[in-house]
Amino acid sequence: MSRISGVAPMSNYSTFKEQFKKSGYSSSNFYDVTIELDSNPKLIQQLSKDPQFNLNSTKQLLKLYCDEATMPGLQISTGDYRITNTPNLKYAYGAVFSEMELSFMLDADSQIKNLFDLWTNSIYGYANQRLSLENLVGIGSPQQNFRSSYRDDYTVDIIIVKYEKSMNGTVNGREPSDKRTAYSVRDIIPDIQNDNGNNRTKFYRSIPVHATKIFKAFPSNISSVSLSREETSMSKLGVSFEYETFTTTTLNSSSAVNFRDPINGGSGLDIIDSLIGLLT
């Protein structure tokens, strides 16, 4: 058996264990999804046709009942070229964004299902809608069947925030204990007696480590909902979203306050911000 030089020793359990203590691991169930319905007033007007629709409660319902989510994926588009007799080489010329998938537990009042029924029908009028008094007197105009609406009238922004346990990873583990937000006993046991909520525990709130903002998104595929008399299970609704583009906190100075739309925000402001940063 021949030996080769210039190779580092093979990784073993000890090195993995040491690295694992530093870097930890990412938990897939620590996340929040916020569909910013209020970012599109025209869509709100369509959704308000449902008497049960309330903006704040619906946003909260979608956030709490989203039991599965996929962070957007990216595929770099490539082409081939050759130089004389070399093998085919690849070069990048574009990007393709994957669909974003969300899954919702359906509530007993069917507010989530009603929401997506109205939303998809406002995108493409596939069903008749009840005429309102405003339509009859000529104030408004009902959407025609089998006609598409303008894209800006039905798209919204969506934010996915990834959290981690407070002690997981090198960065989170270094956070001083006095800056961590601990749960109170009442947070964990709501019905506990003789506790005013000031008794802190050693369980700390999760830390946001990454956020993605999806711009100009709309539902493109609504899954069917299976019903059966054989067994009782929770009904779920899968929704696929198409969107224009996305950005992350990594690309926005690790801040989720001022996400900038790469397409509609333009690049001119980035140059101005850079110049201001150099002068200050």
C-alpha atoms as a PDB file:
ATOM      1  CA  MET A   1       0.000   0.000   0.000  1.00  0.00           C
ATOM      2  CA  SER A   2       1.424   3.331  -1.035  1.00  0.00           C
ATOM      3  CA  ARG A   3       1.319   6.476   1.096  1.00  0.00           C
ATOM      4  CA  ILE A   4       0.704  10.025  -0.092  1.00  0.00           C
ATOM      5  CA  SER A   5       2.013  13.178   1.488  1.00  0.00           C
ATOM      6  CA  GLY A   6       0.423  16.564   2.168  1.00  0.00           C
ATOM      7  CA  VAL A   7      -2.860  15.137   3.519  1.00  0.00           C
ATOM      8  CA  ALA A   8      -4.316  16.094   6.905  1.00  0.00           C
ATOM      9  CA  PRO A   9      -5.218  13.326   9.376  1.00  0.00           C
ATOM     10  CA  MET A  10      -8.672  11.802   8.922  1.00  0.00           C
ATOM     11  CA  SER A  11     -11.415  13.344  11.047  1.00  0.00           C
ATOM     12  CA  ASN A  12     -12.455  11.334  14.078  1.00  0.00           C
ATOM     13  CA  TYR A  13     -15.069  11.445  16.797  1.00  0.00           C
ATOM     14  CA  SER A  14     -12.981  13.629  19.107  1.00  0.00           C
ATOM     15  CA  THR A  15     -12.597  16.400  16.525  1.00  0.00           C
ATOM     16  CA  PHE A  16     -16.278  16.120  15.601  1.00  0.00           C
ATOM     17  CA  LYS A  17     -17.315  16.322  19.254  1.00  0.00           C
ATOM     18  CA  GLU A  18     -15.148  19.391  19.831  1.00  0.00           C
ATOM     19  CA  GLN A  19     -16.554  21.135  16.769  1.00  0.00           C
ATOM     20  CA  PHE A  20     -20.104  20.111  17.646  1.00  0.00           C
ATOM     21  CA  LYS A  21     -19.804  21.822  21.038  1.00  0.00           C
ATOM     22  CA  LYS A  22     -18.781  25.040  19.276  1.00  0.00           C
ATOM     23  CA  SER A  23     -21.160  25.078  16.313  1.00  0.00           C
ATOM     24  CA  GLY A  24     -24.126  23.098  17.635  1.00  0.00           C
ATOM     25  CA  TYR A  25     -26.861  22.155  15.168  1.00  0.00           C
ATOM     26  CA  SER A  26     -29.862  23.816  13.604  1.00  0.00           C
ATOM     27  CA  SER A  27     -33.350  22.748  14.754  1.00  0.00           C
ATOM     28  CA  SER A  28     -35.930  22.590  11.978  1.00  0.00           C
ATOM     29  CA  ASN A  29     -38.900  23.423  14.232  1.00  0.00           C
ATOM     30  CA  PHE A  30     -37.696  26.870  15.383  1.00  0.00           C
ATOM     31  CA  TYR A  31     -39.159  29.322  12.861  1.00  0.00           C
ATOM     32  CA  ASP A  32     -41.898  31.831  12.156  1.00  0.00           C
ATOM     33  CA  VAL A  33     -43.595  32.719   8.879  1.00  0.00           C
ATOM     34  CA  THR A  34     -45.332  36.071   8.441  1.00  0.00           C
ATOM     35  CA  ILE A  35     -47.451  36.714   5.340  1.00  0.00           C
ATOM     36  CA  GLU A  36     -47.636  40.499   5.100  1.00  0.00           C
ATOM     37  CA  LEU A  37     -51.154  40.806   3.717  1.00  0.00           C
ATOM     38  CA  ASP A  38     -51.262  44.490   4.634  1.00  0.00           C
ATOM     39  CA  SER A  39     -48.469  45.192   2.127  1.00  0.00           C
ATOM     40  CA  ASN A  40     -51.121  45.167  -0.644  1.00  0.00           C
ATOM     41  CA  PRO A  41     -54.238  47.321   0.000  1.00  0.00           C
ATOM     42  CA  LYS A  42     -55.967  46.081  -3.185  1.00  0.00           C
ATOM     43  CA  LEU A  43     -55.695  42.498  -2.014  1.00  0.00           C
ATOM     44  CA  ILE A  44     -57.090  43.480   1.380  1.00  0.00           C
ATOM     45  CA  GLN A  45     -60.106  44.924  -0.427  1.00  0.00           C
ATOM     46  CA  GLN A  46     -60.737  41.570  -2.105  1.00  0.00           C
ATOM     47  CA  LEU A  47     -60.214  39.545   1.063  1.00  0.00           C
ATOM     48  CA  SER A  48     -62.579  41.820   2.990  1.00  0.00           C
ATOM     49  CA  LYS A  49     -65.457  40.323   1.010  1.00  0.00           C
ATOM     50  CA  ASP A  50     -65.356  37.505   3.556  1.00  0.00           C
ATOM     51  CA  PRO A  51     -67.343  38.664   6.637  1.00  0.00           C
ATOM     52  CA  GLN A  52     -64.977  36.654   8.869  1.00  0.00           C
ATOM     53  CA  PHE A  53     -61.872  38.379   7.543  1.00  0.00           C
ATOM     54  CA  ASN A  54     -59.952  40.487  10.016  1.00  0.00           C
ATOM     55  CA  LEU A  55     -56.463  41.558   9.018  1.00  0.00           C
ATOM     56  CA  ASN A  56     -54.680  41.283  12.355  1.00  0.00           C
ATOM     57  CA  SER A  57     -56.327  38.050  13.510  1.00  0.00           C
ATOM     58  CA  THR A  58     -55.860  36.430  10.070  1.00  0.00           C
ATOM     59  CA  LYS A  59     -52.149  37.280   9.974  1.00  0.00           C
ATOM     60  CA  GLN A  60     -51.748  35.815  13.454  1.00  0.00           C
ATOM     61  CA  LEU A  61     -53.739  32.716  12.483  1.00  0.00           C
ATOM     62  CA  LEU A  62     -51.568  32.095   9.408  1.00  0.00           C
ATOM     63  CA  LYS A  63     -48.426  32.575  11.488  1.00  0.00           C
ATOM     64  CA  LEU A  64     -49.455  30.146  14.228  1.00  0.00           C
ATOM     65  CA  TYR A  65     -51.046  27.502  11.972  1.00  0.00           C
ATOM     66  CA  CYS A  66     -48.149  27.263   9.495  1.00  0.00           C
ATOM     67  CA  ASP A  67     -46.766  23.866  10.530  1.00  0.00           C
ATOM     68  CA  GLU A  68     -44.296  23.373   7.657  1.00  0.00           C
ATOM     69  CA  ALA A  69     -42.258  25.787   5.563  1.00  0.00           C
ATOM     70  CA  THR A  70     -39.413  25.649   3.077  1.00  0.00           C
ATOM     71  CA  MET A  71     -36.845  28.397   2.827  1.00  0.00           C
ATOM     72  CA  PRO A  72     -36.400  29.485  -0.813  1.00  0.00           C
ATOM     73  CA  GLY A  73     -33.872  27.606  -2.885  1.00  0.00           C
ATOM     74  CA  LEU A  74     -31.671  28.898  -5.694  1.00  0.00           C
ATOM     75  CA  GLN A  75     -30.279  27.334  -8.832  1.00  0.00           C
ATOM     76  CA  ILE A  76     -27.584  29.120 -10.821  1.00  0.00           C
ATOM     77  CA  SER A  77     -28.224  28.935 -14.556  1.00  0.00           C
ATOM     78  CA  THR A  78     -25.117  27.874 -16.450  1.00  0.00           C
ATOM     79  CA  GLY A  79     -23.903  27.593 -20.026  1.00  0.00           C
ATOM     80  CA  ASP A  80     -21.089  25.659 -21.727  1.00  0.00           C
ATOM     81  CA  TYR A  81     -17.976  26.870 -23.488  1.00  0.00           C
ATOM     82  CA  ARG A  82     -14.676  25.413 -24.640  1.00  0.00           C
ATOM     83  CA  ILE A  83     -11.174  26.777 -25.173  1.00  0.00           C
ATOM     84  CA  THR A  84      -9.457  24.917 -28.011  1.00  0.00           C
ATOM     85  CA  ASN A  85      -9.299  21.271 -26.913  1.00  0.00           C
ATOM     86  CA  THR A  86     -10.290  21.659 -23.246  1.00  0.00           C
ATOM     87  CA  PRO A  87     -13.295  19.832 -21.769  1.00  0.00           C
ATOM     88  CA  ASN A  88     -16.602  21.678 -21.642  1.00  0.00           C
ATOM     89  CA  LEU A  89     -16.457  24.414 -19.016  1.00  0.00           C
ATOM     90  CA  LYS A  90     -19.373  26.053 -17.227  1.00  0.00           C
ATOM     91  CA  TYR A  91     -20.162  29.730 -16.697  1.00  0.00           C
ATOM     92  CA  ALA A  92     -22.994  31.402 -14.787  1.00  0.00           C
ATOM     93  CA  TYR A  93     -25.454  33.698 -16.534  1.00  0.00           C
ATOM     94  CA  GLY A  94     -28.558  33.798 -14.341  1.00  0.00           C
ATOM     95  CA  ALA A  95     -30.504  32.434 -11.383  1.00  0.00           C
ATOM     96  CA  VAL A  96     -33.722  30.444 -11.007  1.00  0.00           C
ATOM     97  CA  PHE A  97     -35.676  30.618  -7.736  1.00  0.00           C
ATOM     98  CA  SER A  98     -37.478  27.502  -6.535  1.00  0.00           C
ATOM     99  CA  GLU A  99     -41.099  27.495  -5.415  1.00  0.00           C
ATOM    100  CA  MET A 100     -41.739  28.202  -1.763  1.00  0.00           C
ATOM    101  CA  GLU A 101     -43.912  25.641   0.012  1.00  0.00           C
ATOM    102  CA  LEU A 102     -46.042  26.344   3.071  1.00  0.00           C
ATOM    103  CA  SER A 103     -48.357  23.952   4.881  1.00  0.00           C
ATOM    104  CA  PHE A 104     -51.182  25.096   7.141  1.00  0.00           C
ATOM    105  CA  MET A 105     -53.307  23.314   9.695  1.00  0.00           C
ATOM    106  CA  LEU A 106     -56.903  24.220   8.872  1.00  0.00           C
ATOM    107  CA  ASP A 107     -58.906  25.958  11.569  1.00  0.00           C
ATOM    108  CA  ALA A 108     -62.433  24.873  12.504  1.00  0.00           C
ATOM    109  CA  ASP A 109     -63.922  28.163  11.238  1.00  0.00           C
ATOM    110  CA  SER A 110     -62.320  27.631   7.807  1.00  0.00           C
ATOM    111  CA  GLN A 111     -60.790  31.109   7.819  1.00  0.00           C
ATOM    112  CA  ILE A 112     -57.534  29.904   6.250  1.00  0.00           C
ATOM    113  CA  LYS A 113     -59.330  28.033   3.454  1.00  0.00           C
ATOM    114  CA  ASN A 114     -61.613  31.005   2.830  1.00  0.00           C
ATOM    115  CA  LEU A 115     -58.602  33.300   2.639  1.00  0.00           C
ATOM    116  CA  PHE A 116     -56.884  31.308  -0.099  1.00  0.00           C
ATOM    117  CA  ASP A 117     -60.184  30.801  -1.966  1.00  0.00           C
ATOM    118  CA  LEU A 118     -60.651  34.564  -2.181  1.00  0.00           C
ATOM    119  CA  TRP A 119     -56.967  35.204  -2.864  1.00  0.00           C
ATOM    120  CA  THR A 120     -56.721  32.786  -5.796  1.00  0.00           C
ATOM    121  CA  ASN A 121     -60.035  33.955  -7.241  1.00  0.00           C
ATOM    122  CA  SER A 122     -58.779  37.541  -7.161  1.00  0.00           C
ATOM    123  CA  ILE A 123     -55.731  36.401  -9.151  1.00  0.00           C
ATOM    124  CA  TYR A 124     -57.779  34.615 -11.801  1.00  0.00           C
ATOM    125  CA  GLY A 125     -61.559  34.830 -11.665  1.00  0.00           C
ATOM    126  CA  TYR A 126     -62.535  31.174 -11.855  1.00  0.00           C
ATOM    127  CA  ALA A 127     -65.775  31.494  -9.845  1.00  0.00           C
ATOM    128  CA  ASN A 128     -68.696  33.912  -9.634  1.00  0.00           C
ATOM    129  CA  GLN A 129     -68.680  36.382  -6.778  1.00  0.00           C
ATOM    130  CA  ARG A 130     -71.682  37.895  -5.077  1.00  0.00           C
ATOM    131  CA  LEU A 131     -72.466  41.388  -6.339  1.00  0.00           C
ATOM    132  CA  SER A 132     -72.191  44.066  -3.705  1.00  0.00           C
ATOM    133  CA  LEU A 133     -74.314  47.196  -3.364  1.00  0.00           C
ATOM    134  CA  GLU A 134     -71.340  49.249  -4.573  1.00  0.00           C
ATOM    135  CA  ASN A 135     -71.178  47.214  -7.777  1.00  0.00           C
ATOM    136  CA  LEU A 136     -74.886  47.622  -8.442  1.00  0.00           C
ATOM    137  CA  VAL A 137     -74.795  51.414  -8.166  1.00  0.00           C
ATOM    138  CA  GLY A 138     -71.668  51.618 -10.287  1.00  0.00           C
ATOM    139  CA  ILE A 139     -69.159  52.543  -7.587  1.00  0.00           C
ATOM    140  CA  GLY A 140     -67.117  49.388  -8.018  1.00  0.00           C
ATOM    141  CA  SER A 141     -66.755  46.826 -10.768  1.00  0.00           C
ATOM    142  CA  PRO A 142     -66.923  43.070 -10.152  1.00  0.00           C
ATOM    143  CA  GLN A 143     -64.049  40.998 -11.490  1.00  0.00           C
ATOM    144  CA  GLN A 144     -64.848  39.272 -14.769  1.00  0.00           C
ATOM    145  CA  ASN A 145     -64.676  35.507 -14.882  1.00  0.00           C
ATOM    146  CA  PHE A 146     -61.666  33.858 -16.491  1.00  0.00           C
ATOM    147  CA  ARG A 147     -59.631  37.038 -16.515  1.00  0.00           C
ATOM    148  CA  SER A 148     -56.300  37.627 -14.807  1.00  0.00           C
ATOM    149  CA  SER A 149     -55.722  40.579 -12.521  1.00  0.00           C
ATOM    150  CA  TYR A 150     -52.676  42.804 -12.618  1.00  0.00           C
ATOM    151  CA  ARG A 151     -49.748  41.196 -10.834  1.00  0.00           C
ATOM    152  CA  ASP A 152     -49.263  44.112  -8.440  1.00  0.00           C
ATOM    153  CA  ASP A 153     -52.862  43.696  -7.267  1.00  0.00           C
ATOM    154  CA  TYR A 154     -52.406  40.254  -5.700  1.00  0.00           C
ATOM    155  CA  THR A 155     -48.760  39.891  -4.600  1.00  0.00           C
ATOM    156  CA  VAL A 156     -47.484  40.314  -1.040  1.00  0.00           C
ATOM    157  CA  ASP A 157     -44.203  40.029   0.847  1.00  0.00           C
ATOM    158  CA  ILE A 158     -43.428  37.075   3.115  1.00  0.00           C
ATOM    159  CA  ILE A 159     -40.833  36.869   5.892  1.00  0.00           C
ATOM    160  CA  ILE A 160     -39.365  33.617   7.232  1.00  0.00           C
ATOM    161  CA  VAL A 161     -37.349  33.924  10.444  1.00  0.00           C
ATOM    162  CA  LYS A 162     -35.129  31.050  11.612  1.00  0.00           C
ATOM    163  CA  TYR A 163     -34.543  30.799  15.372  1.00  0.00           C
ATOM    164  CA  GLU A 164     -32.144  28.704  17.410  1.00  0.00           C
ATOM    165  CA  LYS A 165     -31.879  27.708  21.062  1.00  0.00           C
ATOM    166  CA  SER A 166     -30.184  30.353  23.154  1.00  0.00           C
ATOM    167  CA  MET A 167     -27.213  28.145  24.080  1.00  0.00           C
ATOM    168  CA  ASN A 168     -26.789  26.499  20.672  1.00  0.00           C
ATOM    169  CA  GLY A 169     -23.762  27.493  18.599  1.00  0.00           C
ATOM    170  CA  THR A 170     -20.649  29.553  19.237  1.00  0.00           C
ATOM    171  CA  VAL A 171     -22.269  32.980  18.746  1.00  0.00           C
ATOM    172  CA  ASN A 172     -25.401  32.290  20.799  1.00  0.00           C
ATOM    173  CA  GLY A 173     -23.438  30.571  23.568  1.00  0.00           C
ATOM    174  CA  ARG A 174     -21.278  33.673  24.037  1.00  0.00           C
ATOM    175  CA  GLU A 175     -24.250  35.896  24.777  1.00  0.00           C
ATOM    176  CA  PRO A 176     -24.093  37.131  28.383  1.00  0.00           C
ATOM    177  CA  SER A 177     -26.659  35.531  30.655  1.00  0.00           C
ATOM    178  CA  ASP A 178     -27.951  38.920  31.791  1.00  0.00           C
ATOM    179  CA  LYS A 179     -28.929  39.753  28.204  1.00  0.00           C
ATOM    180  CA  ARG A 180     -30.821  36.537  27.594  1.00  0.00           C
ATOM    181  CA  THR A 181     -34.589  36.642  27.993  1.00  0.00           C
ATOM    182  CA  ALA A 182     -35.656  33.847  30.318  1.00  0.00           C
ATOM    183  CA  TYR A 183     -39.123  32.343  30.490  1.00  0.00           C
ATOM    184  CA  SER A 184     -41.053  32.831  33.693  1.00  0.00           C
ATOM    185  CA  VAL A 185     -42.720  29.954  35.516  1.00  0.00           C
ATOM    186  CA  ARG A 186     -46.083  31.297  34.386  1.00  0.00           C
ATOM    187  CA  ASP A 187     -44.928  31.206  30.740  1.00  0.00           C
ATOM    188  CA  ILE A 188     -44.378  27.470  31.085  1.00  0.00           C
ATOM    189  CA  ILE A 189     -47.279  26.663  33.435  1.00  0.00           C
ATOM    190  CA  PRO A 190     -50.035  29.231  32.693  1.00  0.00           C
ATOM    191  CA  ASP A 191     -52.374  27.991  35.451  1.00  0.00           C
ATOM    192  CA  ILE A 192     -49.820  28.104  38.248  1.00  0.00           C
ATOM    193  CA  GLN A 193     -50.997  29.817  41.414  1.00  0.00           C
ATOM    194  CA  ASN A 194     -49.126  32.439  43.460  1.00  0.00           C
ATOM    195  CA  ASP A 195     -46.863  33.536  40.624  1.00  0.00           C
ATOM    196  CA  ASN A 196     -46.892  37.055  39.222  1.00  0.00           C
ATOM    197  CA  GLY A 197     -44.691  36.234  36.236  1.00  0.00           C
ATOM    198  CA  ASN A 198     -41.474  37.587  37.778  1.00  0.00           C
ATOM    199  CA  ASN A 199     -40.019  34.213  38.767  1.00  0.00           C
ATOM    200  CA  ARG A 200     -37.455  33.531  36.049  1.00  0.00           C
ATOM    201  CA  THR A 201     -36.440  30.034  34.966  1.00  0.00           C
ATOM    202  CA  LYS A 202     -33.272  28.777  33.265  1.00  0.00           C
ATOM    203  CA  PHE A 203     -35.161  28.259  30.015  1.00  0.00           C
ATOM    204  CA  TYR A 204     -34.305  31.069  27.606  1.00  0.00           C
ATOM    205  CA  ARG A 205     -36.185  32.403  24.617  1.00  0.00           C
ATOM    206  CA  SER A 206     -34.970  31.456  21.156  1.00  0.00           C
ATOM    207  CA  ILE A 207     -32.622  33.763  19.261  1.00  0.00           C
ATOM    208  CA  PRO A 208     -33.286  34.846  15.646  1.00  0.00           C
ATOM    209  CA  VAL A 209     -30.234  33.927  13.579  1.00  0.00           C
ATOM    210  CA  HIS A 210     -31.412  34.249   9.968  1.00  0.00           C
ATOM    211  CA  ALA A 211     -34.297  35.872   8.138  1.00  0.00           C
ATOM    212  CA  THR A 212     -35.443  35.686   4.525  1.00  0.00           C
ATOM    213  CA  LYS A 213     -37.818  38.137   2.889  1.00  0.00           C
ATOM    214  CA  ILE A 214     -39.659  37.018  -0.236  1.00  0.00           C
ATOM    215  CA  PHE A 215     -40.870  39.853  -2.459  1.00  0.00           C
ATOM    216  CA  LYS A 216     -44.005  39.923  -4.617  1.00  0.00           C
ATOM    217  CA  ALA A 217     -45.237  36.425  -3.738  1.00  0.00           C
ATOM    218  CA  PHE A 218     -48.581  34.876  -4.648  1.00  0.00           C
ATOM    219  CA  PRO A 219     -50.143  31.393  -4.243  1.00  0.00           C
ATOM    220  CA  SER A 220     -49.683  29.396  -7.448  1.00  0.00           C
ATOM    221  CA  ASN A 221     -50.827  25.953  -6.345  1.00  0.00           C
ATOM    222  CA  ILE A 222     -53.383  25.036  -3.691  1.00  0.00           C
ATOM    223  CA  SER A 223     -53.389  21.385  -2.712  1.00  0.00           C
ATOM    224  CA  SER A 224     -56.554  19.339  -2.456  1.00  0.00           C
ATOM    225  CA  VAL A 225     -57.833  18.546   1.024  1.00  0.00           C
ATOM    226  CA  SER A 226     -58.498  14.873   1.700  1.00  0.00           C
ATOM    227  CA  LEU A 227     -61.583  13.900   3.691  1.00  0.00           C
ATOM    228  CA  SER A 228     -62.265  10.427   5.080  1.00  0.00           C
ATOM    229  CA  ARG A 229     -64.756   8.731   7.439  1.00  0.00           C
ATOM    230  CA  GLU A 230     -62.299   5.987   8.393  1.00  0.00           C
ATOM    231  CA  GLU A 231     -60.200   7.958  10.845  1.00  0.00           C
ATOM    232  CA  THR A 232     -60.082  11.401  12.396  1.00  0.00           C
ATOM    233  CA  SER A 233     -57.034  13.499  11.620  1.00  0.00           C
ATOM    234  CA  MET A 234     -56.205  17.159  11.354  1.00  0.00           C
ATOM    235  CA  SER A 235     -56.941  18.673   7.955  1.00  0.00           C
ATOM    236  CA  LYS A 236     -54.047  20.441   6.267  1.00  0.00           C
ATOM    237  CA  LEU A 237     -53.648  22.709   3.293  1.00  0.00           C
ATOM    238  CA  GLY A 238     -50.472  22.886   1.207  1.00  0.00           C
ATOM    239  CA  VAL A 239     -49.772  26.094  -0.689  1.00  0.00           C
ATOM    240  CA  SER A 240     -47.009  26.740  -3.239  1.00  0.00           C
ATOM    241  CA  PHE A 241     -45.898  30.318  -3.798  1.00  0.00           C
ATOM    242  CA  GLU A 242     -44.212  31.923  -6.780  1.00  0.00           C
ATOM    243  CA  TYR A 243     -42.361  35.155  -6.190  1.00  0.00           C
ATOM    244  CA  GLU A 244     -40.201  37.782  -7.841  1.00  0.00           C
ATOM    245  CA  THR A 245     -37.037  37.603  -5.777  1.00  0.00           C
ATOM    246  CA  PHE A 246     -35.791  37.268  -2.214  1.00  0.00           C
ATOM    247  CA  THR A 247     -33.038  38.538   0.047  1.00  0.00           C
ATOM    248  CA  THR A 248     -31.655  37.538   3.442  1.00  0.00           C
ATOM    249  CA  THR A 249     -30.228  39.157   6.549  1.00  0.00           C
ATOM    250  CA  THR A 250     -26.787  37.937   5.461  1.00  0.00           C
ATOM    251  CA  LEU A 251     -27.055  40.212   2.429  1.00  0.00           C
ATOM    252  CA  ASN A 252     -28.552  43.094   4.448  1.00  0.00           C
ATOM    253  CA  SER A 253     -25.960  43.623   7.197  1.00  0.00           C
ATOM    254  CA  SER A 254     -27.667  41.007   9.395  1.00  0.00           C
ATOM    255  CA  SER A 255     -30.649  43.323   9.888  1.00  0.00           C
ATOM    256  CA  ALA A 256     -34.285  42.481   9.217  1.00  0.00           C
ATOM    257  CA  VAL A 257     -35.435  46.074   9.697  1.00  0.00           C
ATOM    258  CA  ASN A 258     -34.793  47.465   6.231  1.00  0.00           C
ATOM    259  CA  PHE A 259     -34.918  44.661   3.700  1.00  0.00           C
ATOM    260  CA  ARG A 260     -34.376  46.108   0.231  1.00  0.00           C
ATOM    261  CA  ASP A 261     -36.105  44.659  -2.819  1.00  0.00           C
ATOM    262  CA  PRO A 262     -33.249  43.857  -5.260  1.00  0.00           C
ATOM    263  CA  ILE A 263     -35.494  44.529  -8.272  1.00  0.00           C
ATOM    264  CA  ASN A 264     -37.858  47.332  -7.311  1.00  0.00           C
ATOM    265  CA  GLY A 265     -35.454  48.894  -4.811  1.00  0.00           C
ATOM    266  CA  GLY A 266     -32.755  49.363  -7.440  1.00  0.00           C
ATOM    267  CA  SER A 267     -29.027  49.651  -6.870  1.00  0.00           C
ATOM    268  CA  GLY A 268     -28.633  53.426  -6.817  1.00  0.00           C
ATOM    269  CA  LEU A 269     -29.439  53.720  -3.122  1.00  0.00           C
ATOM    270  CA  ASP A 270     -26.819  51.096  -2.283  1.00  0.00           C
ATOM    271  CA  ILE A 271     -24.129  53.246  -3.891  1.00  0.00           C
ATOM    272  CA  ILE A 272     -25.305  56.349  -2.009  1.00  0.00           C
ATOM    273  CA  ASP A 273     -25.375  54.424   1.285  1.00  0.00           C
ATOM    274  CA  SER A 274     -21.824  53.202   0.643  1.00  0.00           C
ATOM    275  CA  LEU A 275     -20.590  56.728  -0.012  1.00  0.00           C
ATOM    276  CA  ILE A 276     -22.262  58.011   3.150  1.00  0.00           C
ATOM    277  CA  GLY A 277     -20.659  55.189   5.094  1.00  0.00           C
ATOM    278  CA  LEU A 278     -17.221  56.210   3.831  1.00  0.00           C
ATOM    279  CA  LEU A 279     -17.743  59.824   4.827  1.00  0.00           C
ATOM    280  CA  THR A 280     -19.016  59.121   8.352  1.00  0.00           C
END
